[in-house]
Amino acid sequence: MFVVIVHLRARPDRLGTFLTGIEANARATRREPGCLRIDVVRADEDPHRFILYEIYRDRTAFFTEHRSAAHYAAWRQIAEECVTEHRNTFCHPVSLQGKDS
């Protein structure tokens, strides 16, 4: 599995467009064969901060399949117009079974 955690800050004057775009992107991403999960959450302390938690089958499912999807290109255009901060963290799950805390 391959995990992507995305931190975004939407421009206050473009929030409506951002929300419409992120919803469309998340719905389409959920239909991708390589996407196992995508959640979009909004920060309680700042209504313009969002975190996307995305789980893919593997790196190829994200970097090749997801990023070549038509809906991703549409999302990138919206992000260019609506996002002031963007940071990706790439990770993978760690098995802690049988490990002491």
PDB file of N, CA and C in Angstrom:
ATOM      1  N   MET A   1       0.842  -1.190   0.000  1.00  0.00           N
ATOM      2  CA  MET A   1       0.000   0.000   0.000  1.00  0.00           C
ATOM      3  C   MET A   1       0.881   1.246   0.000  1.00  0.00           C
ATOM      4  N   PHE A   2       0.324   2.297  -0.545  1.00  0.00           N
ATOM      5  CA  PHE A   2       1.009   3.580  -0.629  1.00  0.00           C
ATOM      6  C   PHE A   2       0.046   4.650  -0.139  1.00  0.00           C
ATOM      7  N   VAL A   3       0.497   5.485   0.787  1.00  0.00           N
ATOM      8  CA  VAL A   3      -0.360   6.492   1.418  1.00  0.00           C
ATOM      9  C   VAL A   3       0.134   7.890   1.060  1.00  0.00           C
ATOM     10  N   VAL A   4      -0.816   8.757   0.747  1.00  0.00           N
ATOM     11  CA  VAL A   4      -0.506  10.164   0.481  1.00  0.00           C
ATOM     12  C   VAL A   4      -1.357  10.994   1.433  1.00  0.00           C
ATOM     13  N   ILE A   5      -0.692  11.875   2.175  1.00  0.00           N
ATOM     14  CA  ILE A   5      -1.389  12.821   3.042  1.00  0.00           C
ATOM     15  C   ILE A   5      -1.143  14.203   2.450  1.00  0.00           C
ATOM     16  N   VAL A   6      -2.225  14.869   2.085  1.00  0.00           N
ATOM     17  CA  VAL A   6      -2.132  16.158   1.404  1.00  0.00           C
ATOM     18  C   VAL A   6      -2.675  17.243   2.331  1.00  0.00           C
ATOM     19  N   HIS A   7      -1.875  18.282   2.541  1.00  0.00           N
ATOM     20  CA  HIS A   7      -2.299  19.439   3.327  1.00  0.00           C
ATOM     21  C   HIS A   7      -2.537  20.595   2.371  1.00  0.00           C
ATOM     22  N   LEU A   8      -3.734  21.176   2.427  1.00  0.00           N
ATOM     23  CA  LEU A   8      -4.107  22.272   1.534  1.00  0.00           C
ATOM     24  C   LEU A   8      -4.703  23.429   2.323  1.00  0.00           C
ATOM     25  N   ARG A   9      -4.502  24.619   1.823  1.00  0.00           N
ATOM     26  CA  ARG A   9      -5.199  25.790   2.348  1.00  0.00           C
ATOM     27  C   ARG A   9      -5.870  26.461   1.165  1.00  0.00           C
ATOM     28  N   ALA A  10      -7.189  26.592   1.248  1.00  0.00           N
ATOM     29  CA  ALA A  10      -7.969  27.204   0.170  1.00  0.00           C
ATOM     30  C   ALA A  10      -8.043  28.717   0.368  1.00  0.00           C
ATOM     31  N   ARG A  11      -8.025  29.431  -0.738  1.00  0.00           N
ATOM     32  CA  ARG A  11      -8.218  30.881  -0.675  1.00  0.00           C
ATOM     33  C   ARG A  11      -9.635  31.155  -0.195  1.00  0.00           C
ATOM     34  N   PRO A  12      -9.796  32.019   0.787  1.00  0.00           N
ATOM     35  CA  PRO A  12     -11.145  32.307   1.296  1.00  0.00           C
ATOM     36  C   PRO A  12     -12.115  32.777   0.215  1.00  0.00           C
ATOM     37  N   ASP A  13     -11.643  33.561  -0.740  1.00  0.00           N
ATOM     38  CA  ASP A  13     -12.524  34.073  -1.792  1.00  0.00           C
ATOM     39  C   ASP A  13     -12.829  33.045  -2.883  1.00  0.00           C
ATOM     40  N   ARG A  14     -12.204  31.865  -2.817  1.00  0.00           N
ATOM     41  CA  ARG A  14     -12.422  30.808  -3.809  1.00  0.00           C
ATOM     42  C   ARG A  14     -12.911  29.517  -3.151  1.00  0.00           C
ATOM     43  N   LEU A  15     -13.382  29.627  -1.905  1.00  0.00           N
ATOM     44  CA  LEU A  15     -13.749  28.445  -1.132  1.00  0.00           C
ATOM     45  C   LEU A  15     -14.853  27.625  -1.798  1.00  0.00           C
ATOM     46  N   GLY A  16     -15.868  28.260  -2.333  1.00  0.00           N
ATOM     47  CA  GLY A  16     -16.956  27.535  -2.985  1.00  0.00           C
ATOM     48  C   GLY A  16     -16.471  26.711  -4.173  1.00  0.00           C
ATOM     49  N   THR A  17     -15.656  27.315  -5.008  1.00  0.00           N
ATOM     50  CA  THR A  17     -15.093  26.619  -6.159  1.00  0.00           C
ATOM     51  C   THR A  17     -14.202  25.470  -5.700  1.00  0.00           C
ATOM     52  N   PHE A  18     -13.408  25.731  -4.672  1.00  0.00           N
ATOM     53  CA  PHE A  18     -12.538  24.691  -4.117  1.00  0.00           C
ATOM     54  C   PHE A  18     -13.352  23.493  -3.640  1.00  0.00           C
ATOM     55  N   LEU A  19     -14.400  23.747  -2.861  1.00  0.00           N
ATOM     56  CA  LEU A  19     -15.212  22.655  -2.319  1.00  0.00           C
ATOM     57  C   LEU A  19     -15.875  21.837  -3.426  1.00  0.00           C
ATOM     58  N   THR A  20     -16.381  22.498  -4.433  1.00  0.00           N
ATOM     59  CA  THR A  20     -16.973  21.787  -5.564  1.00  0.00           C
ATOM     60  C   THR A  20     -15.924  20.928  -6.261  1.00  0.00           C
ATOM     61  N   GLY A  21     -14.748  21.484  -6.468  1.00  0.00           N
ATOM     62  CA  GLY A  21     -13.672  20.767  -7.146  1.00  0.00           C
ATOM     63  C   GLY A  21     -13.127  19.599  -6.354  1.00  0.00           C
ATOM     64  N   ILE A  22     -12.945  19.793  -5.067  1.00  0.00           N
ATOM     65  CA  ILE A  22     -12.381  18.716  -4.254  1.00  0.00           C
ATOM     66  C   ILE A  22     -13.379  17.574  -4.114  1.00  0.00           C
ATOM     67  N   GLU A  23     -14.664  17.905  -4.067  1.00  0.00           N
ATOM     68  CA  GLU A  23     -15.687  16.853  -3.998  1.00  0.00           C
ATOM     69  C   GLU A  23     -15.702  16.030  -5.288  1.00  0.00           C
ATOM     70  N   ALA A  24     -15.663  16.709  -6.427  1.00  0.00           N
ATOM     71  CA  ALA A  24     -15.647  16.001  -7.712  1.00  0.00           C
ATOM     72  C   ALA A  24     -14.400  15.131  -7.828  1.00  0.00           C
ATOM     73  N   ASN A  25     -13.263  15.660  -7.410  1.00  0.00           N
ATOM     74  CA  ASN A  25     -12.021  14.900  -7.476  1.00  0.00           C
ATOM     75  C   ASN A  25     -12.080  13.665  -6.574  1.00  0.00           C
ATOM     76  N   ALA A  26     -12.564  13.823  -5.363  1.00  0.00           N
ATOM     77  CA  ALA A  26     -12.633  12.698  -4.427  1.00  0.00           C
ATOM     78  C   ALA A  26     -13.583  11.617  -4.941  1.00  0.00           C
ATOM     79  N   ARG A  27     -14.734  12.020  -5.457  1.00  0.00           N
ATOM     80  CA  ARG A  27     -15.701  11.036  -5.991  1.00  0.00           C
ATOM     81  C   ARG A  27     -15.089  10.240  -7.149  1.00  0.00           C
ATOM     82  N   ALA A  28     -14.428  10.925  -8.051  1.00  0.00           N
ATOM     83  CA  ALA A  28     -13.822  10.244  -9.196  1.00  0.00           C
ATOM     84  C   ALA A  28     -12.643   9.374  -8.761  1.00  0.00           C
ATOM     85  N   THR A  29     -11.852   9.856  -7.821  1.00  0.00           N
ATOM     86  CA  THR A  29     -10.708   9.090  -7.332  1.00  0.00           C
ATOM     87  C   THR A  29     -11.172   7.798  -6.682  1.00  0.00           C
ATOM     88  N   ARG A  30     -12.265   7.839  -5.946  1.00  0.00           N
ATOM     89  CA  ARG A  30     -12.794   6.627  -5.295  1.00  0.00           C
ATOM     90  C   ARG A  30     -13.145   5.537  -6.311  1.00  0.00           C
ATOM     91  N   ARG A  31     -13.433   5.923  -7.533  1.00  0.00           N
ATOM     92  CA  ARG A  31     -13.785   4.957  -8.576  1.00  0.00           C
ATOM     93  C   ARG A  31     -12.557   4.361  -9.273  1.00  0.00           C
ATOM     94  N   GLU A  32     -11.374   4.890  -9.002  1.00  0.00           N
ATOM     95  CA  GLU A  32     -10.157   4.357  -9.624  1.00  0.00           C
ATOM     96  C   GLU A  32      -9.857   2.967  -9.050  1.00  0.00           C
ATOM     97  N   PRO A  33      -9.501   2.013  -9.907  1.00  0.00           N
ATOM     98  CA  PRO A  33      -9.214   0.660  -9.412  1.00  0.00           C
ATOM     99  C   PRO A  33      -8.086   0.615  -8.378  1.00  0.00           C
ATOM    100  N   GLY A  34      -7.110   1.500  -8.508  1.00  0.00           N
ATOM    101  CA  GLY A  34      -5.967   1.483  -7.598  1.00  0.00           C
ATOM    102  C   GLY A  34      -6.147   2.269  -6.314  1.00  0.00           C
ATOM    103  N   CYS A  35      -7.265   2.983  -6.192  1.00  0.00           N
ATOM    104  CA  CYS A  35      -7.526   3.765  -4.981  1.00  0.00           C
ATOM    105  C   CYS A  35      -8.289   2.905  -3.986  1.00  0.00           C
ATOM    106  N   LEU A  36      -7.711   2.726  -2.808  1.00  0.00           N
ATOM    107  CA  LEU A  36      -8.358   1.942  -1.758  1.00  0.00           C
ATOM    108  C   LEU A  36      -9.178   2.822  -0.824  1.00  0.00           C
ATOM    109  N   ARG A  37      -8.791   4.098  -0.704  1.00  0.00           N
ATOM    110  CA  ARG A  37      -9.514   5.011   0.180  1.00  0.00           C
ATOM    111  C   ARG A  37      -9.067   6.445  -0.094  1.00  0.00           C
ATOM    112  N   ILE A  38     -10.016   7.367   0.018  1.00  0.00           N
ATOM    113  CA  ILE A  38      -9.684   8.791   0.020  1.00  0.00           C
ATOM    114  C   ILE A  38     -10.683   9.487   0.942  1.00  0.00           C
ATOM    115  N   ASP A  39     -10.144  10.216   1.894  1.00  0.00           N
ATOM    116  CA  ASP A  39     -10.953  11.009   2.816  1.00  0.00           C
ATOM    117  C   ASP A  39     -10.521  12.465   2.695  1.00  0.00           C
ATOM    118  N   VAL A  40     -11.492  13.357   2.735  1.00  0.00           N
ATOM    119  CA  VAL A  40     -11.219  14.797   2.747  1.00  0.00           C
ATOM    120  C   VAL A  40     -11.764  15.326   4.063  1.00  0.00           C
ATOM    121  N   VAL A  41     -10.892  15.942   4.866  1.00  0.00           N
ATOM    122  CA  VAL A  41     -11.320  16.489   6.148  1.00  0.00           C
ATOM    123  C   VAL A  41     -10.944  17.961   6.221  1.00  0.00           C
ATOM    124  N   ARG A  42     -11.710  18.681   7.028  1.00  0.00           N
ATOM    125  CA  ARG A  42     -11.523  20.126   7.189  1.00  0.00           C
ATOM    126  C   ARG A  42     -11.072  20.391   8.627  1.00  0.00           C
ATOM    127  N   ALA A  43     -10.091  21.240   8.791  1.00  0.00           N
ATOM    128  CA  ALA A  43      -9.564  21.552  10.119  1.00  0.00           C
ATOM    129  C   ALA A  43     -10.586  22.339  10.936  1.00  0.00           C
ATOM    130  N   ASP A  44     -10.762  21.951  12.179  1.00  0.00           N
ATOM    131  CA  ASP A  44     -11.691  22.661  13.067  1.00  0.00           C
ATOM    132  C   ASP A  44     -11.235  24.088  13.356  1.00  0.00           C
ATOM    133  N   GLU A  45      -9.930  24.279  13.484  1.00  0.00           N
ATOM    134  CA  GLU A  45      -9.416  25.586  13.885  1.00  0.00           C
ATOM    135  C   GLU A  45      -9.276  26.584  12.733  1.00  0.00           C
ATOM    136  N   ASP A  46      -9.388  26.082  11.485  1.00  0.00           N
ATOM    137  CA  ASP A  46      -9.253  26.959  10.322  1.00  0.00           C
ATOM    138  C   ASP A  46     -10.113  26.387   9.191  1.00  0.00           C
ATOM    139  N   PRO A  47     -11.228  27.015   8.869  1.00  0.00           N
ATOM    140  CA  PRO A  47     -12.141  26.473   7.856  1.00  0.00           C
ATOM    141  C   PRO A  47     -11.579  26.478   6.435  1.00  0.00           C
ATOM    142  N   HIS A  48     -10.372  27.009   6.252  1.00  0.00           N
ATOM    143  CA  HIS A  48      -9.754  27.041   4.932  1.00  0.00           C
ATOM    144  C   HIS A  48      -8.646  25.992   4.790  1.00  0.00           C
ATOM    145  N   ARG A  49      -8.402  25.219   5.857  1.00  0.00           N
ATOM    146  CA  ARG A  49      -7.386  24.153   5.835  1.00  0.00           C
ATOM    147  C   ARG A  49      -8.061  22.801   5.665  1.00  0.00           C
ATOM    148  N   PHE A  50      -7.482  22.005   4.756  1.00  0.00           N
ATOM    149  CA  PHE A  50      -8.021  20.686   4.443  1.00  0.00           C
ATOM    150  C   PHE A  50      -6.893  19.666   4.427  1.00  0.00           C
ATOM    151  N   ILE A  51      -7.240  18.442   4.763  1.00  0.00           N
ATOM    152  CA  ILE A  51      -6.299  17.331   4.708  1.00  0.00           C
ATOM    153  C   ILE A  51      -6.962  16.213   3.910  1.00  0.00           C
ATOM    154  N   LEU A  52      -6.243  15.695   2.947  1.00  0.00           N
ATOM    155  CA  LEU A  52      -6.689  14.533   2.185  1.00  0.00           C
ATOM    156  C   LEU A  52      -5.856  13.353   2.643  1.00  0.00           C
ATOM    157  N   TYR A  53      -6.525  12.258   2.960  1.00  0.00           N
ATOM    158  CA  TYR A  53      -5.854  11.016   3.344  1.00  0.00           C
ATOM    159  C   TYR A  53      -6.190  10.008   2.263  1.00  0.00           C
ATOM    160  N   GLU A  54      -5.179   9.617   1.488  1.00  0.00           N
ATOM    161  CA  GLU A  54      -5.395   8.778   0.323  1.00  0.00           C
ATOM    162  C   GLU A  54      -4.576   7.495   0.448  1.00  0.00           C
ATOM    163  N   ILE A  55      -5.214   6.366   0.185  1.00  0.00           N
ATOM    164  CA  ILE A  55      -4.513   5.081   0.198  1.00  0.00           C
ATOM    165  C   ILE A  55      -4.670   4.449  -1.181  1.00  0.00           C
ATOM    166  N   TYR A  56      -3.539   4.067  -1.744  1.00  0.00           N
ATOM    167  CA  TYR A  56      -3.513   3.443  -3.065  1.00  0.00           C
ATOM    168  C   TYR A  56      -2.911   2.042  -2.972  1.00  0.00           C
ATOM    169  N   ARG A  57      -3.216   1.240  -3.954  1.00  0.00           N
ATOM    170  CA  ARG A  57      -2.702  -0.123  -4.035  1.00  0.00           C
ATOM    171  C   ARG A  57      -1.172  -0.122  -3.954  1.00  0.00           C
ATOM    172  N   ASP A  58      -0.552   0.801  -4.693  1.00  0.00           N
ATOM    173  CA  ASP A  58       0.903   0.904  -4.731  1.00  0.00           C
ATOM    174  C   ASP A  58       1.278   2.269  -5.322  1.00  0.00           C
ATOM    175  N   ARG A  59       2.560   2.524  -5.435  1.00  0.00           N
ATOM    176  CA  ARG A  59       3.037   3.815  -5.961  1.00  0.00           C
ATOM    177  C   ARG A  59       2.559   4.057  -7.400  1.00  0.00           C
ATOM    178  N   THR A  60       2.536   3.003  -8.208  1.00  0.00           N
ATOM    179  CA  THR A  60       2.098   3.140  -9.596  1.00  0.00           C
ATOM    180  C   THR A  60       0.645   3.591  -9.669  1.00  0.00           C
ATOM    181  N   ALA A  61      -0.183   3.066  -8.785  1.00  0.00           N
ATOM    182  CA  ALA A  61      -1.603   3.454  -8.776  1.00  0.00           C
ATOM    183  C   ALA A  61      -1.748   4.949  -8.529  1.00  0.00           C
ATOM    184  N   PHE A  62      -0.853   5.525  -7.728  1.00  0.00           N
ATOM    185  CA  PHE A  62      -0.921   6.965  -7.472  1.00  0.00           C
ATOM    186  C   PHE A  62      -0.203   7.757  -8.559  1.00  0.00           C
ATOM    187  N   PHE A  63       1.084   7.500  -8.724  1.00  0.00           N
ATOM    188  CA  PHE A  63       1.897   8.343  -9.596  1.00  0.00           C
ATOM    189  C   PHE A  63       1.561   8.193 -11.081  1.00  0.00           C
ATOM    190  N   THR A  64       1.136   7.024 -11.506  1.00  0.00           N
ATOM    191  CA  THR A  64       0.853   6.813 -12.924  1.00  0.00           C
ATOM    192  C   THR A  64      -0.643   6.849 -13.203  1.00  0.00           C
ATOM    193  N   GLU A  65      -1.397   5.973 -12.556  1.00  0.00           N
ATOM    194  CA  GLU A  65      -2.826   5.860 -12.855  1.00  0.00           C
ATOM    195  C   GLU A  65      -3.617   7.086 -12.390  1.00  0.00           C
ATOM    196  N   HIS A  66      -3.464   7.455 -11.134  1.00  0.00           N
ATOM    197  CA  HIS A  66      -4.226   8.588 -10.600  1.00  0.00           C
ATOM    198  C   HIS A  66      -3.845   9.888 -11.302  1.00  0.00           C
ATOM    199  N   ARG A  67      -2.560  10.140 -11.384  1.00  0.00           N
ATOM    200  CA  ARG A  67      -2.119  11.412 -11.949  1.00  0.00           C
ATOM    201  C   ARG A  67      -2.335  11.541 -13.452  1.00  0.00           C
ATOM    202  N   SER A  68      -2.661  10.450 -14.125  1.00  0.00           N
ATOM    203  CA  SER A  68      -2.963  10.548 -15.559  1.00  0.00           C
ATOM    204  C   SER A  68      -4.469  10.580 -15.826  1.00  0.00           C
ATOM    205  N   ALA A  69      -5.271  10.505 -14.781  1.00  0.00           N
ATOM    206  CA  ALA A  69      -6.733  10.528 -14.943  1.00  0.00           C
ATOM    207  C   ALA A  69      -7.211  11.922 -15.341  1.00  0.00           C
ATOM    208  N   ALA A  70      -8.253  11.965 -16.157  1.00  0.00           N
ATOM    209  CA  ALA A  70      -8.801  13.239 -16.619  1.00  0.00           C
ATOM    210  C   ALA A  70      -9.289  14.088 -15.452  1.00  0.00           C
ATOM    211  N   HIS A  71      -9.891  13.467 -14.470  1.00  0.00           N
ATOM    212  CA  HIS A  71     -10.393  14.243 -13.333  1.00  0.00           C
ATOM    213  C   HIS A  71      -9.257  14.870 -12.527  1.00  0.00           C
ATOM    214  N   TYR A  72      -8.096  14.232 -12.516  1.00  0.00           N
ATOM    215  CA  TYR A  72      -6.945  14.807 -11.809  1.00  0.00           C
ATOM    216  C   TYR A  72      -6.477  16.088 -12.506  1.00  0.00           C
ATOM    217  N   ALA A  73      -6.466  16.079 -13.830  1.00  0.00           N
ATOM    218  CA  ALA A  73      -6.087  17.287 -14.579  1.00  0.00           C
ATOM    219  C   ALA A  73      -7.061  18.422 -14.284  1.00  0.00           C
ATOM    220  N   ALA A  74      -8.349  18.103 -14.216  1.00  0.00           N
ATOM    221  CA  ALA A  74      -9.356  19.123 -13.886  1.00  0.00           C
ATOM    222  C   ALA A  74      -9.135  19.639 -12.467  1.00  0.00           C
ATOM    223  N   TRP A  75      -8.829  18.733 -11.540  1.00  0.00           N
ATOM    224  CA  TRP A  75      -8.567  19.135 -10.154  1.00  0.00           C
ATOM    225  C   TRP A  75      -7.337  20.041 -10.062  1.00  0.00           C
ATOM    226  N   ARG A  76      -6.280  19.714 -10.802  1.00  0.00           N
ATOM    227  CA  ARG A  76      -5.058  20.535 -10.765  1.00  0.00           C
ATOM    228  C   ARG A  76      -5.361  21.960 -11.215  1.00  0.00           C
ATOM    229  N   GLN A  77      -6.228  22.119 -12.194  1.00  0.00           N
ATOM    230  CA  GLN A  77      -6.601  23.459 -12.656  1.00  0.00           C
ATOM    231  C   GLN A  77      -7.317  24.222 -11.540  1.00  0.00           C
ATOM    232  N   ILE A  78      -8.245  23.566 -10.873  1.00  0.00           N
ATOM    233  CA  ILE A  78      -8.957  24.203  -9.759  1.00  0.00           C
ATOM    234  C   ILE A  78      -7.991  24.533  -8.629  1.00  0.00           C
ATOM    235  N   ALA A  79      -7.091  23.617  -8.327  1.00  0.00           N
ATOM    236  CA  ALA A  79      -6.113  23.852  -7.266  1.00  0.00           C
ATOM    237  C   ALA A  79      -5.242  25.069  -7.586  1.00  0.00           C
ATOM    238  N   GLU A  80      -4.850  25.210  -8.835  1.00  0.00           N
ATOM    239  CA  GLU A  80      -4.044  26.375  -9.243  1.00  0.00           C
ATOM    240  C   GLU A  80      -4.762  27.686  -8.921  1.00  0.00           C
ATOM    241  N   GLU A  81      -6.058  27.680  -9.096  1.00  0.00           N
ATOM    242  CA  GLU A  81      -6.857  28.889  -8.872  1.00  0.00           C
ATOM    243  C   GLU A  81      -7.231  29.103  -7.401  1.00  0.00           C
ATOM    244  N   CYS A  82      -7.351  28.025  -6.643  1.00  0.00           N
ATOM    245  CA  CYS A  82      -7.989  28.104  -5.323  1.00  0.00           C
ATOM    246  C   CYS A  82      -7.099  27.796  -4.126  1.00  0.00           C
ATOM    247  N   VAL A  83      -5.928  27.234  -4.338  1.00  0.00           N
ATOM    248  CA  VAL A  83      -5.103  26.777  -3.220  1.00  0.00           C
ATOM    249  C   VAL A  83      -3.906  27.699  -3.029  1.00  0.00           C
ATOM    250  N   THR A  84      -3.680  28.116  -1.774  1.00  0.00           N
ATOM    251  CA  THR A  84      -2.530  28.970  -1.469  1.00  0.00           C
ATOM    252  C   THR A  84      -1.377  28.189  -0.869  1.00  0.00           C
ATOM    253  N   GLU A  85      -1.648  27.062  -0.232  1.00  0.00           N
ATOM    254  CA  GLU A  85      -0.606  26.208   0.343  1.00  0.00           C
ATOM    255  C   GLU A  85      -0.925  24.768  -0.014  1.00  0.00           C
ATOM    256  N   HIS A  86       0.133  24.006  -0.351  1.00  0.00           N
ATOM    257  CA  HIS A  86      -0.051  22.606  -0.745  1.00  0.00           C
ATOM    258  C   HIS A  86       1.209  21.839  -0.358  1.00  0.00           C
ATOM    259  N   ARG A  87       1.012  20.785   0.434  1.00  0.00           N
ATOM    260  CA  ARG A  87       2.145  19.940   0.825  1.00  0.00           C
ATOM    261  C   ARG A  87       1.707  18.487   0.810  1.00  0.00           C
ATOM    262  N   ASN A  88       2.489  17.649   0.133  1.00  0.00           N
ATOM    263  CA  ASN A  88       2.235  16.206   0.106  1.00  0.00           C
ATOM    264  C   ASN A  88       3.234  15.506   1.017  1.00  0.00           C
ATOM    265  N   THR A  89       2.746  14.509   1.751  1.00  0.00           N
ATOM    266  CA  THR A  89       3.610  13.608   2.506  1.00  0.00           C
ATOM    267  C   THR A  89       3.326  12.211   1.984  1.00  0.00           C
ATOM    268  N   PHE A  90       4.367  11.541   1.500  1.00  0.00           N
ATOM    269  CA  PHE A  90       4.230  10.192   0.970  1.00  0.00           C
ATOM    270  C   PHE A  90       4.692   9.208   2.043  1.00  0.00           C
ATOM    271  N   CYS A  91       3.909   8.149   2.274  1.00  0.00           N
ATOM    272  CA  CYS A  91       4.215   7.199   3.333  1.00  0.00           C
ATOM    273  C   CYS A  91       3.744   5.803   2.985  1.00  0.00           C
ATOM    274  N   HIS A  92       4.054   4.897   3.881  1.00  0.00           N
ATOM    275  CA  HIS A  92       3.563   3.525   3.767  1.00  0.00           C
ATOM    276  C   HIS A  92       3.250   3.018   5.175  1.00  0.00           C
ATOM    277  N   PRO A  93       2.303   2.089   5.272  1.00  0.00           N
ATOM    278  CA  PRO A  93       1.928   1.574   6.588  1.00  0.00           C
ATOM    279  C   PRO A  93       3.082   0.806   7.240  1.00  0.00           C
ATOM    280  N   VAL A  94       3.126   0.882   8.545  1.00  0.00           N
ATOM    281  CA  VAL A  94       4.105   0.138   9.329  1.00  0.00           C
ATOM    282  C   VAL A  94       3.334  -0.855  10.189  1.00  0.00           C
ATOM    283  N   SER A  95       3.732  -2.098  10.120  1.00  0.00           N
ATOM    284  CA  SER A  95       3.080  -3.125  10.943  1.00  0.00           C
ATOM    285  C   SER A  95       3.707  -3.112  12.325  1.00  0.00           C
ATOM    286  N   LEU A  96       2.870  -2.943  13.336  1.00  0.00           N
ATOM    287  CA  LEU A  96       3.355  -2.904  14.712  1.00  0.00           C
ATOM    288  C   LEU A  96       2.886  -4.132  15.498  1.00  0.00           C
ATOM    289  N   GLN A  97       2.416  -5.141  14.811  1.00  0.00           N
ATOM    290  CA  GLN A  97       1.958  -6.352  15.481  1.00  0.00           C
ATOM    291  C   GLN A  97       3.098  -6.976  16.280  1.00  0.00           C
ATOM    292  N   GLY A  98       2.780  -7.294  17.517  1.00  0.00           N
ATOM    293  CA  GLY A  98       3.760  -7.954  18.373  1.00  0.00           C
ATOM    294  C   GLY A  98       4.857  -7.057  18.897  1.00  0.00           C
ATOM    295  N   LYS A  99       4.769  -5.766  18.647  1.00  0.00           N
ATOM    296  CA  LYS A  99       5.779  -4.821  19.125  1.00  0.00           C
ATOM    297  C   LYS A  99       5.317  -4.222  20.437  1.00  0.00           C
ATOM    298  N   ASP A 100       6.273  -4.009  21.343  1.00  0.00           N
ATOM    299  CA  ASP A 100       5.944  -3.334  22.601  1.00  0.00           C
ATOM    300  C   ASP A 100       5.775  -1.853  22.354  1.00  0.00           C
ATOM    301  N   SER A 101       4.879  -1.242  23.076  1.00  0.00           N
ATOM    302  CA  SER A 101       4.635   0.191  22.912  1.00  0.00           C
ATOM    303  C   SER A 101       5.728   0.998  23.529  1.00  0.00           C
TER     304      SER A 101
END
